Structures are given as C-alpha cells and as structure tokens.
C-alpha cells in the first residue's frame, strides 16, 4: 500500500487542546507539518471542523490552528491542519527537527 502523506510525521507528545466549542485537553501521539494524531478526546465524525490549540517551542502564546477530522481510530483522531502563519510554521518545523 502506498503512503499518501505529504509531510513526514514524528512521534511527539506536546500539550494539545481541542476547541469543540468547549476546551478538551488531549495528548498528541504524532505530529507533522500537515496535521496531528491525538488521543484522549471525543470521537468526532469525518469532516468535522475544530480548532487545535498547541504550545509550540519558541512562541510565548498558544497557537490556534483550524483543523478537519480526516480519520478516527479507537480513542484517537487524525486531524489535518488548515493554514498557519509563518511564525507558527517555523516553530512547528523546529519541533519536528529535534
């Protein structure tokens, strides 16, 4: 089976919250420039829109990124990120390099 991912992913645990609209604290399992896999949240249907809140190194405030649920597995969700600003993208790339 051919891998369809556009971005390299990394197993990393970072503080994450989902705004659904209430705030739900979850744990990341892996992360890439294009999205995140989280566990510990609510099950949401494919295509659900939500906001992902990340604390990225080098940034003083939390980063909010719009996301779309692309798949669900057990207690986890695969979320595709929407557009990010240049500072947020650079901070995420820095985290993925470490």
PDB file of N, CA and C in Angstrom:
ATOM      1  N   UNK A   1       0.843  -1.189   0.000  1.00  0.00           N
ATOM      2  CA  UNK A   1       0.000   0.000   0.000  1.00  0.00           C
ATOM      3  C   UNK A   1       0.883   1.246   0.000  1.00  0.00           C
ATOM      4  N   UNK A   2       0.601   2.175  -0.863  1.00  0.00           N
ATOM      5  CA  UNK A   2       1.411   3.377  -0.994  1.00  0.00           C
ATOM      6  C   UNK A   2       1.027   4.406   0.061  1.00  0.00           C
ATOM      7  N   UNK A   3       2.042   5.016   0.688  1.00  0.00           N
ATOM      8  CA  UNK A   3       1.836   6.061   1.696  1.00  0.00           C
ATOM      9  C   UNK A   3       1.364   7.331   0.991  1.00  0.00           C
ATOM     10  N   UNK A   4       0.269   7.940   1.490  1.00  0.00           N
ATOM     11  CA  UNK A   4      -0.288   9.129   0.850  1.00  0.00           C
ATOM     12  C   UNK A   4       0.090  10.419   1.563  1.00  0.00           C
ATOM     13  N   UNK A   5       0.867  10.334   2.619  1.00  0.00           N
ATOM     14  CA  UNK A   5       1.201  11.533   3.386  1.00  0.00           C
ATOM     15  C   UNK A   5       2.109  12.468   2.592  1.00  0.00           C
ATOM     16  N   UNK A   6       1.853  13.761   2.726  1.00  0.00           N
ATOM     17  CA  UNK A   6       2.677  14.774   2.079  1.00  0.00           C
ATOM     18  C   UNK A   6       3.815  15.220   2.982  1.00  0.00           C
ATOM     19  N   UNK A   7       3.657  15.034   4.297  1.00  0.00           N
ATOM     20  CA  UNK A   7       4.626  15.531   5.269  1.00  0.00           C
ATOM     21  C   UNK A   7       5.122  14.395   6.153  1.00  0.00           C
ATOM     22  N   UNK A   8       6.406  14.465   6.501  1.00  0.00           N
ATOM     23  CA  UNK A   8       6.987  13.494   7.421  1.00  0.00           C
ATOM     24  C   UNK A   8       6.381  13.714   8.796  1.00  0.00           C
ATOM     25  N   UNK A   9       6.026  12.620   9.474  1.00  0.00           N
ATOM     26  CA  UNK A   9       5.463  12.747  10.811  1.00  0.00           C
ATOM     27  C   UNK A   9       6.475  12.271  11.843  1.00  0.00           C
ATOM     28  N   UNK A  10       6.295  12.749  13.065  1.00  0.00           N
ATOM     29  CA  UNK A  10       7.205  12.416  14.156  1.00  0.00           C
ATOM     30  C   UNK A  10       6.379  12.074  15.389  1.00  0.00           C
ATOM     31  N   UNK A  11       6.768  10.991  16.069  1.00  0.00           N
ATOM     32  CA  UNK A  11       6.125  10.663  17.343  1.00  0.00           C
ATOM     33  C   UNK A  11       6.570  11.692  18.365  1.00  0.00           C
ATOM     34  N   UNK A  12       5.631  12.475  18.845  1.00  0.00           N
ATOM     35  CA  UNK A  12       5.960  13.536  19.797  1.00  0.00           C
ATOM     36  C   UNK A  12       4.733  13.810  20.661  1.00  0.00           C
ATOM     37  N   UNK A  13       4.992  14.093  21.915  1.00  0.00           N
ATOM     38  CA  UNK A  13       3.912  14.438  22.832  1.00  0.00           C
ATOM     39  C   UNK A  13       4.032  15.917  23.179  1.00  0.00           C
ATOM     40  N   UNK A  14       3.048  16.680  22.780  1.00  0.00           N
ATOM     41  CA  UNK A  14       3.013  18.112  23.095  1.00  0.00           C
ATOM     42  C   UNK A  14       1.654  18.427  23.710  1.00  0.00           C
ATOM     43  N   UNK A  15       1.597  19.466  24.552  1.00  0.00           N
ATOM     44  CA  UNK A  15       0.300  19.870  25.102  1.00  0.00           C
ATOM     45  C   UNK A  15      -0.641  20.302  23.974  1.00  0.00           C
ATOM     46  N   UNK A  16      -1.822  19.710  23.941  1.00  0.00           N
ATOM     47  CA  UNK A  16      -2.799  19.989  22.890  1.00  0.00           C
ATOM     48  C   UNK A  16      -4.177  20.108  23.523  1.00  0.00           C
ATOM     49  N   UNK A  17      -4.976  21.012  22.988  1.00  0.00           N
ATOM     50  CA  UNK A  17      -6.381  21.103  23.372  1.00  0.00           C
ATOM     51  C   UNK A  17      -7.197  21.235  22.091  1.00  0.00           C
ATOM     52  N   UNK A  18      -8.423  20.763  22.158  1.00  0.00           N
ATOM     53  CA  UNK A  18      -9.364  20.932  21.057  1.00  0.00           C
ATOM     54  C   UNK A  18     -10.467  21.857  21.527  1.00  0.00           C
ATOM     55  N   UNK A  19     -10.849  22.816  20.684  1.00  0.00           N
ATOM     56  CA  UNK A  19     -11.977  23.702  20.980  1.00  0.00           C
ATOM     57  C   UNK A  19     -13.163  23.182  20.184  1.00  0.00           C
ATOM     58  N   UNK A  20     -14.207  22.718  20.921  1.00  0.00           N
ATOM     59  CA  UNK A  20     -15.284  21.954  20.266  1.00  0.00           C
ATOM     60  C   UNK A  20     -16.721  22.454  20.422  1.00  0.00           C
ATOM     61  N   UNK A  21     -17.183  23.471  20.956  1.00  0.00           N
ATOM     62  CA  UNK A  21     -16.534  24.720  21.310  1.00  0.00           C
ATOM     63  C   UNK A  21     -15.911  24.733  22.711  1.00  0.00           C
ATOM     64  N   UNK A  22     -16.281  23.792  23.613  1.00  0.00           N
ATOM     65  CA  UNK A  22     -15.604  23.784  24.908  1.00  0.00           C
ATOM     66  C   UNK A  22     -14.184  23.260  24.723  1.00  0.00           C
ATOM     67  N   UNK A  23     -13.314  23.553  25.661  1.00  0.00           N
ATOM     68  CA  UNK A  23     -11.910  23.160  25.574  1.00  0.00           C
ATOM     69  C   UNK A  23     -11.743  21.752  26.152  1.00  0.00           C
ATOM     70  N   UNK A  24     -11.153  20.857  25.351  1.00  0.00           N
ATOM     71  CA  UNK A  24     -10.903  19.478  25.759  1.00  0.00           C
ATOM     72  C   UNK A  24      -9.398  19.224  25.659  1.00  0.00           C
ATOM     73  N   UNK A  25      -8.766  18.900  26.797  1.00  0.00           N
ATOM     74  CA  UNK A  25      -7.328  18.619  26.817  1.00  0.00           C
ATOM     75  C   UNK A  25      -7.101  17.199  26.303  1.00  0.00           C
ATOM     76  N   UNK A  26      -6.141  17.048  25.385  1.00  0.00           N
ATOM     77  CA  UNK A  26      -5.825  15.749  24.793  1.00  0.00           C
ATOM     78  C   UNK A  26      -4.307  15.591  24.727  1.00  0.00           C
ATOM     79  N   UNK A  27      -3.855  14.463  24.206  1.00  0.00           N
ATOM     80  CA  UNK A  27      -2.427  14.181  24.091  1.00  0.00           C
ATOM     81  C   UNK A  27      -2.098  13.871  22.641  1.00  0.00           C
ATOM     82  N   UNK A  28      -1.002  14.436  22.150  1.00  0.00           N
ATOM     83  CA  UNK A  28      -0.593  14.114  20.783  1.00  0.00           C
ATOM     84  C   UNK A  28       0.170  12.794  20.777  1.00  0.00           C
ATOM     85  N   UNK A  29      -0.009  12.042  19.709  1.00  0.00           N
ATOM     86  CA  UNK A  29       0.777  10.816  19.507  1.00  0.00           C
ATOM     87  C   UNK A  29       1.821  11.035  18.427  1.00  0.00           C
ATOM     88  N   UNK A  30       1.412  11.698  17.362  1.00  0.00           N
ATOM     89  CA  UNK A  30       2.389  12.098  16.356  1.00  0.00           C
ATOM     90  C   UNK A  30       1.940  13.389  15.701  1.00  0.00           C
ATOM     91  N   UNK A  31       2.910  14.023  15.050  1.00  0.00           N
ATOM     92  CA  UNK A  31       2.726  15.381  14.560  1.00  0.00           C
ATOM     93  C   UNK A  31       3.485  15.534  13.254  1.00  0.00           C
ATOM     94  N   UNK A  32       2.936  16.324  12.345  1.00  0.00           N
ATOM     95  CA  UNK A  32       3.628  16.681  11.112  1.00  0.00           C
ATOM     96  C   UNK A  32       3.238  18.110  10.764  1.00  0.00           C
ATOM     97  N   UNK A  33       3.852  18.624   9.734  1.00  0.00           N
ATOM     98  CA  UNK A  33       3.505  19.970   9.285  1.00  0.00           C
ATOM     99  C   UNK A  33       2.060  20.014   8.789  1.00  0.00           C
ATOM    100  N   UNK A  34       1.542  18.883   8.345  1.00  0.00           N
ATOM    101  CA  UNK A  34       0.193  18.839   7.790  1.00  0.00           C
ATOM    102  C   UNK A  34      -0.911  18.460   8.750  1.00  0.00           C
ATOM    103  N   UNK A  35      -0.542  17.940   9.957  1.00  0.00           N
ATOM    104  CA  UNK A  35      -1.597  17.535  10.870  1.00  0.00           C
ATOM    105  C   UNK A  35      -1.080  16.853  12.116  1.00  0.00           C
ATOM    106  N   UNK A  36      -2.019  16.295  12.876  1.00  0.00           N
ATOM    107  CA  UNK A  36      -1.701  15.706  14.168  1.00  0.00           C
ATOM    108  C   UNK A  36      -2.614  14.514  14.420  1.00  0.00           C
ATOM    109  N   UNK A  37      -2.074  13.518  15.133  1.00  0.00           N
ATOM    110  CA  UNK A  37      -2.893  12.414  15.628  1.00  0.00           C
ATOM    111  C   UNK A  37      -2.953  12.567  17.134  1.00  0.00           C
ATOM    112  N   UNK A  38      -4.158  12.635  17.678  1.00  0.00           N
ATOM    113  CA  UNK A  38      -4.338  12.843  19.115  1.00  0.00           C
ATOM    114  C   UNK A  38      -5.127  11.686  19.715  1.00  0.00           C
ATOM    115  N   UNK A  39      -4.962  11.523  21.034  1.00  0.00           N
ATOM    116  CA  UNK A  39      -5.758  10.530  21.756  1.00  0.00           C
ATOM    117  C   UNK A  39      -6.333  11.177  23.001  1.00  0.00           C
ATOM    118  N   UNK A  40      -7.395  10.569  23.503  1.00  0.00           N
ATOM    119  CA  UNK A  40      -7.992  11.050  24.740  1.00  0.00           C
ATOM    120  C   UNK A  40      -9.126  12.033  24.566  1.00  0.00           C
ATOM    121  N   UNK A  41      -9.494  12.311  23.340  1.00  0.00           N
ATOM    122  CA  UNK A  41     -10.579  13.263  23.110  1.00  0.00           C
ATOM    123  C   UNK A  41     -11.887  12.559  22.809  1.00  0.00           C
ATOM    124  N   UNK A  42     -12.809  13.304  22.316  1.00  0.00           N
ATOM    125  CA  UNK A  42     -14.109  12.760  21.905  1.00  0.00           C
ATOM    126  C   UNK A  42     -14.006  12.217  20.488  1.00  0.00           C
ATOM    127  N   UNK A  43     -14.838  11.258  20.188  1.00  0.00           N
ATOM    128  CA  UNK A  43     -14.924  10.781  18.814  1.00  0.00           C
ATOM    129  C   UNK A  43     -15.753  11.784  18.016  1.00  0.00           C
ATOM    130  N   UNK A  44     -15.232  12.184  16.901  1.00  0.00           N
ATOM    131  CA  UNK A  44     -15.908  13.135  16.022  1.00  0.00           C
ATOM    132  C   UNK A  44     -16.006  12.527  14.634  1.00  0.00           C
ATOM    133  N   UNK A  45     -17.065  12.831  13.903  1.00  0.00           N
ATOM    134  CA  UNK A  45     -17.205  12.260  12.566  1.00  0.00           C
ATOM    135  C   UNK A  45     -16.225  12.869  11.566  1.00  0.00           C
ATOM    136  N   UNK A  46     -15.950  12.090  10.522  1.00  0.00           N
ATOM    137  CA  UNK A  46     -15.112  12.542   9.413  1.00  0.00           C
ATOM    138  C   UNK A  46     -15.631  13.884   8.899  1.00  0.00           C
ATOM    139  N   UNK A  47     -14.698  14.795   8.661  1.00  0.00           N
ATOM    140  CA  UNK A  47     -15.062  16.097   8.117  1.00  0.00           C
ATOM    141  C   UNK A  47     -15.393  17.148   9.154  1.00  0.00           C
ATOM    142  N   UNK A  48     -15.446  16.764  10.434  1.00  0.00           N
ATOM    143  CA  UNK A  48     -15.746  17.745  11.492  1.00  0.00           C
ATOM    144  C   UNK A  48     -14.679  18.829  11.521  1.00  0.00           C
ATOM    145  N   UNK A  49     -15.115  20.068  11.669  1.00  0.00           N
ATOM    146  CA  UNK A  49     -14.206  21.209  11.783  1.00  0.00           C
ATOM    147  C   UNK A  49     -14.005  21.521  13.260  1.00  0.00           C
ATOM    148  N   UNK A  50     -12.768  21.852  13.629  1.00  0.00           N
ATOM    149  CA  UNK A  50     -12.462  22.188  15.012  1.00  0.00           C
ATOM    150  C   UNK A  50     -11.222  23.064  15.048  1.00  0.00           C
ATOM    151  N   UNK A  51     -10.906  23.562  16.229  1.00  0.00           N
ATOM    152  CA  UNK A  51      -9.691  24.341  16.427  1.00  0.00           C
ATOM    153  C   UNK A  51      -8.746  23.544  17.310  1.00  0.00           C
ATOM    154  N   UNK A  52      -7.493  23.402  16.856  1.00  0.00           N
ATOM    155  CA  UNK A  52      -6.446  22.716  17.610  1.00  0.00           C
ATOM    156  C   UNK A  52      -5.587  23.786  18.271  1.00  0.00           C
ATOM    157  N   UNK A  53      -5.370  23.651  19.574  1.00  0.00           N
ATOM    158  CA  UNK A  53      -4.550  24.604  20.328  1.00  0.00           C
ATOM    159  C   UNK A  53      -3.265  23.892  20.728  1.00  0.00           C
ATOM    160  N   UNK A  54      -2.121  24.434  20.287  1.00  0.00           N
ATOM    161  CA  UNK A  54      -0.808  23.845  20.550  1.00  0.00           C
ATOM    162  C   UNK A  54       0.077  24.829  21.288  1.00  0.00           C
ATOM    163  N   UNK A  55       0.945  24.322  22.137  1.00  0.00           N
ATOM    164  CA  UNK A  55       2.001  25.146  22.736  1.00  0.00           C
ATOM    165  C   UNK A  55       3.291  24.737  22.042  1.00  0.00           C
ATOM    166  N   UNK A  56       3.777  25.597  21.154  1.00  0.00           N
ATOM    167  CA  UNK A  56       4.969  25.293  20.373  1.00  0.00           C
ATOM    168  C   UNK A  56       6.191  25.984  20.965  1.00  0.00           C
ATOM    169  N   UNK A  57       7.345  25.320  20.929  1.00  0.00           N
ATOM    170  CA  UNK A  57       8.560  25.925  21.480  1.00  0.00           C
ATOM    171  C   UNK A  57       8.934  27.197  20.723  1.00  0.00           C
ATOM    172  N   UNK A  58       9.401  28.174  21.468  1.00  0.00           N
ATOM    173  CA  UNK A  58       9.829  29.430  20.866  1.00  0.00           C
ATOM    174  C   UNK A  58       8.726  30.464  20.730  1.00  0.00           C
ATOM    175  N   UNK A  59       7.486  30.082  20.997  1.00  0.00           N
ATOM    176  CA  UNK A  59       6.371  31.022  20.936  1.00  0.00           C
ATOM    177  C   UNK A  59       5.819  31.211  22.336  1.00  0.00           C
ATOM    178  N   UNK A  60       5.601  32.461  22.720  1.00  0.00           N
ATOM    179  CA  UNK A  60       5.154  32.739  24.087  1.00  0.00           C
ATOM    180  C   UNK A  60       3.680  32.403  24.306  1.00  0.00           C
ATOM    181  N   UNK A  61       2.882  32.494  23.269  1.00  0.00           N
ATOM    182  CA  UNK A  61       1.458  32.206  23.436  1.00  0.00           C
ATOM    183  C   UNK A  61       1.078  30.917  22.712  1.00  0.00           C
ATOM    184  N   UNK A  62      -0.085  30.392  23.066  1.00  0.00           N
ATOM    185  CA  UNK A  62      -0.582  29.190  22.402  1.00  0.00           C
ATOM    186  C   UNK A  62      -0.903  29.495  20.940  1.00  0.00           C
ATOM    187  N   UNK A  63      -0.755  28.489  20.110  1.00  0.00           N
ATOM    188  CA  UNK A  63      -1.066  28.599  18.693  1.00  0.00           C
ATOM    189  C   UNK A  63      -2.398  27.916  18.424  1.00  0.00           C
ATOM    190  N   UNK A  64      -3.300  28.620  17.763  1.00  0.00           N
ATOM    191  CA  UNK A  64      -4.584  28.039  17.374  1.00  0.00           C
ATOM    192  C   UNK A  64      -4.584  27.812  15.869  1.00  0.00           C
ATOM    193  N   UNK A  65      -4.899  26.573  15.488  1.00  0.00           N
ATOM    194  CA  UNK A  65      -4.919  26.189  14.079  1.00  0.00           C
ATOM    195  C   UNK A  65      -6.261  25.531  13.785  1.00  0.00           C
ATOM    196  N   UNK A  66      -6.902  25.965  12.717  1.00  0.00           N
ATOM    197  CA  UNK A  66      -8.141  25.309  12.303  1.00  0.00           C
ATOM    198  C   UNK A  66      -7.792  23.928  11.756  1.00  0.00           C
ATOM    199  N   UNK A  67      -8.648  22.951  12.036  1.00  0.00           N
ATOM    200  CA  UNK A  67      -8.383  21.591  11.589  1.00  0.00           C
ATOM    201  C   UNK A  67      -9.647  20.891  11.136  1.00  0.00           C
ATOM    202  N   UNK A  68      -9.439  19.784  10.423  1.00  0.00           N
ATOM    203  CA  UNK A  68     -10.529  18.951   9.927  1.00  0.00           C
ATOM    204  C   UNK A  68     -10.227  17.496  10.263  1.00  0.00           C
ATOM    205  N   UNK A  69     -11.191  16.796  10.846  1.00  0.00           N
ATOM    206  CA  UNK A  69     -11.017  15.377  11.159  1.00  0.00           C
ATOM    207  C   UNK A  69     -10.964  14.596   9.845  1.00  0.00           C
ATOM    208  N   UNK A  70      -9.875  13.840   9.659  1.00  0.00           N
ATOM    209  CA  UNK A  70      -9.706  13.040   8.447  1.00  0.00           C
ATOM    210  C   UNK A  70      -9.874  11.552   8.697  1.00  0.00           C
ATOM    211  N   UNK A  71      -9.704  11.120   9.959  1.00  0.00           N
ATOM    212  CA  UNK A  71      -9.997   9.733  10.304  1.00  0.00           C
ATOM    213  C   UNK A  71     -10.057   9.565  11.806  1.00  0.00           C
ATOM    214  N   UNK A  72     -10.713   8.499  12.237  1.00  0.00           N
ATOM    215  CA  UNK A  72     -10.835   8.172  13.660  1.00  0.00           C
ATOM    216  C   UNK A  72     -10.465   6.710  13.848  1.00  0.00           C
ATOM    217  N   UNK A  73      -9.749   6.436  14.948  1.00  0.00           N
ATOM    218  CA  UNK A  73      -9.316   5.070  15.252  1.00  0.00           C
ATOM    219  C   UNK A  73      -9.305   4.902  16.762  1.00  0.00           C
ATOM    220  N   UNK A  74     -10.103   4.001  17.289  1.00  0.00           N
ATOM    221  CA  UNK A  74     -10.151   3.803  18.739  1.00  0.00           C
ATOM    222  C   UNK A  74     -10.478   5.107  19.442  1.00  0.00           C
ATOM    223  N   UNK A  75      -9.597   5.518  20.367  1.00  0.00           N
ATOM    224  CA  UNK A  75      -9.812   6.784  21.079  1.00  0.00           C
ATOM    225  C   UNK A  75      -9.050   7.932  20.434  1.00  0.00           C
ATOM    226  N   UNK A  76      -8.575   7.755  19.193  1.00  0.00           N
ATOM    227  CA  UNK A  76      -7.763   8.782  18.548  1.00  0.00           C
ATOM    228  C   UNK A  76      -8.404   9.384  17.316  1.00  0.00           C
ATOM    229  N   UNK A  77      -7.899  10.560  16.953  1.00  0.00           N
ATOM    230  CA  UNK A  77      -8.357  11.277  15.765  1.00  0.00           C
ATOM    231  C   UNK A  77      -7.160  11.741  14.949  1.00  0.00           C
ATOM    232  N   UNK A  78      -7.249  11.602  13.647  1.00  0.00           N
ATOM    233  CA  UNK A  78      -6.291  12.201  12.731  1.00  0.00           C
ATOM    234  C   UNK A  78      -6.874  13.515  12.238  1.00  0.00           C
ATOM    235  N   UNK A  79      -6.163  14.599  12.494  1.00  0.00           N
ATOM    236  CA  UNK A  79      -6.668  15.936  12.172  1.00  0.00           C
ATOM    237  C   UNK A  79      -5.716  16.605  11.189  1.00  0.00           C
ATOM    238  N   UNK A  80      -6.255  17.080  10.076  1.00  0.00           N
ATOM    239  CA  UNK A  80      -5.474  17.814   9.088  1.00  0.00           C
ATOM    240  C   UNK A  80      -5.513  19.291   9.441  1.00  0.00           C
ATOM    241  N   UNK A  81      -4.331  19.930   9.483  1.00  0.00           N
ATOM    242  CA  UNK A  81      -4.256  21.355   9.781  1.00  0.00           C
ATOM    243  C   UNK A  81      -4.691  22.186   8.584  1.00  0.00           C
ATOM    244  N   UNK A  82      -5.277  23.344   8.894  1.00  0.00           N
ATOM    245  CA  UNK A  82      -5.539  24.359   7.890  1.00  0.00           C
ATOM    246  C   UNK A  82      -4.299  25.246   7.757  1.00  0.00           C
ATOM    247  N   UNK A  83      -4.491  26.453   7.302  1.00  0.00           N
ATOM    248  CA  UNK A  83      -3.381  27.389   7.100  1.00  0.00           C
ATOM    249  C   UNK A  83      -2.796  27.843   8.435  1.00  0.00           C
ATOM    250  N   UNK A  84      -1.460  27.998   8.449  1.00  0.00           N
ATOM    251  CA  UNK A  84      -0.741  28.515   9.618  1.00  0.00           C
ATOM    252  C   UNK A  84       0.097  29.701   9.180  1.00  0.00           C
ATOM    253  N   UNK A  85       0.343  30.590  10.121  1.00  0.00           N
ATOM    254  CA  UNK A  85       1.209  31.724   9.854  1.00  0.00           C
ATOM    255  C   UNK A  85       2.670  31.301   9.769  1.00  0.00           C
ATOM    256  N   UNK A  86       3.523  32.208   9.306  1.00  0.00           N
ATOM    257  CA  UNK A  86       4.949  31.915   9.129  1.00  0.00           C
ATOM    258  C   UNK A  86       5.636  31.587  10.452  1.00  0.00           C
ATOM    259  N   UNK A  87       5.341  32.335  11.525  1.00  0.00           N
ATOM    260  CA  UNK A  87       5.971  32.068  12.829  1.00  0.00           C
ATOM    261  C   UNK A  87       5.579  30.699  13.356  1.00  0.00           C
ATOM    262  N   UNK A  88       4.315  30.362  13.227  1.00  0.00           N
ATOM    263  CA  UNK A  88       3.823  29.075  13.705  1.00  0.00           C
ATOM    264  C   UNK A  88       4.422  27.923  12.900  1.00  0.00           C
ATOM    265  N   UNK A  89       4.505  28.100  11.587  1.00  0.00           N
ATOM    266  CA  UNK A  89       5.100  27.077  10.728  1.00  0.00           C
ATOM    267  C   UNK A  89       6.563  26.860  11.087  1.00  0.00           C
ATOM    268  N   UNK A  90       7.308  27.955  11.303  1.00  0.00           N
ATOM    269  CA  UNK A  90       8.725  27.844  11.678  1.00  0.00           C
ATOM    270  C   UNK A  90       8.887  27.137  13.021  1.00  0.00           C
ATOM    271  N   UNK A  91       8.036  27.457  13.998  1.00  0.00           N
ATOM    272  CA  UNK A  91       8.112  26.810  15.313  1.00  0.00           C
ATOM    273  C   UNK A  91       7.799  25.319  15.197  1.00  0.00           C
ATOM    274  N   UNK A  92       6.823  24.968  14.384  1.00  0.00           N
ATOM    275  CA  UNK A  92       6.472  23.564  14.196  1.00  0.00           C
ATOM    276  C   UNK A  92       7.603  22.816  13.491  1.00  0.00           C
ATOM    277  N   UNK A  93       8.197  23.416  12.479  1.00  0.00           N
ATOM    278  CA  UNK A  93       9.335  22.796  11.792  1.00  0.00           C
ATOM    279  C   UNK A  93      10.501  22.578  12.745  1.00  0.00           C
ATOM    280  N   UNK A  94      10.747  23.543  13.623  1.00  0.00           N
ATOM    281  CA  UNK A  94      11.819  23.419  14.613  1.00  0.00           C
ATOM    282  C   UNK A  94      11.562  22.234  15.539  1.00  0.00           C
ATOM    283  N   UNK A  95      10.334  22.080  15.988  1.00  0.00           N
ATOM    284  CA  UNK A  95       9.972  20.960  16.859  1.00  0.00           C
ATOM    285  C   UNK A  95      10.157  19.626  16.136  1.00  0.00           C
ATOM    286  N   UNK A  96       9.807  19.574  14.872  1.00  0.00           N
ATOM    287  CA  UNK A  96       9.901  18.332  14.110  1.00  0.00           C
ATOM    288  C   UNK A  96      11.344  17.949  13.795  1.00  0.00           C
ATOM    289  N   UNK A  97      12.261  18.922  13.769  1.00  0.00           N
ATOM    290  CA  UNK A  97      13.680  18.645  13.508  1.00  0.00           C
ATOM    291  C   UNK A  97      14.373  18.027  14.702  1.00  0.00           C
ATOM    292  N   UNK A  98      13.944  18.396  15.912  1.00  0.00           N
ATOM    293  CA  UNK A  98      14.618  17.919  17.136  1.00  0.00           C
ATOM    294  C   UNK A  98      14.499  16.428  17.319  1.00  0.00           C
TER     295      UNK A  98
END
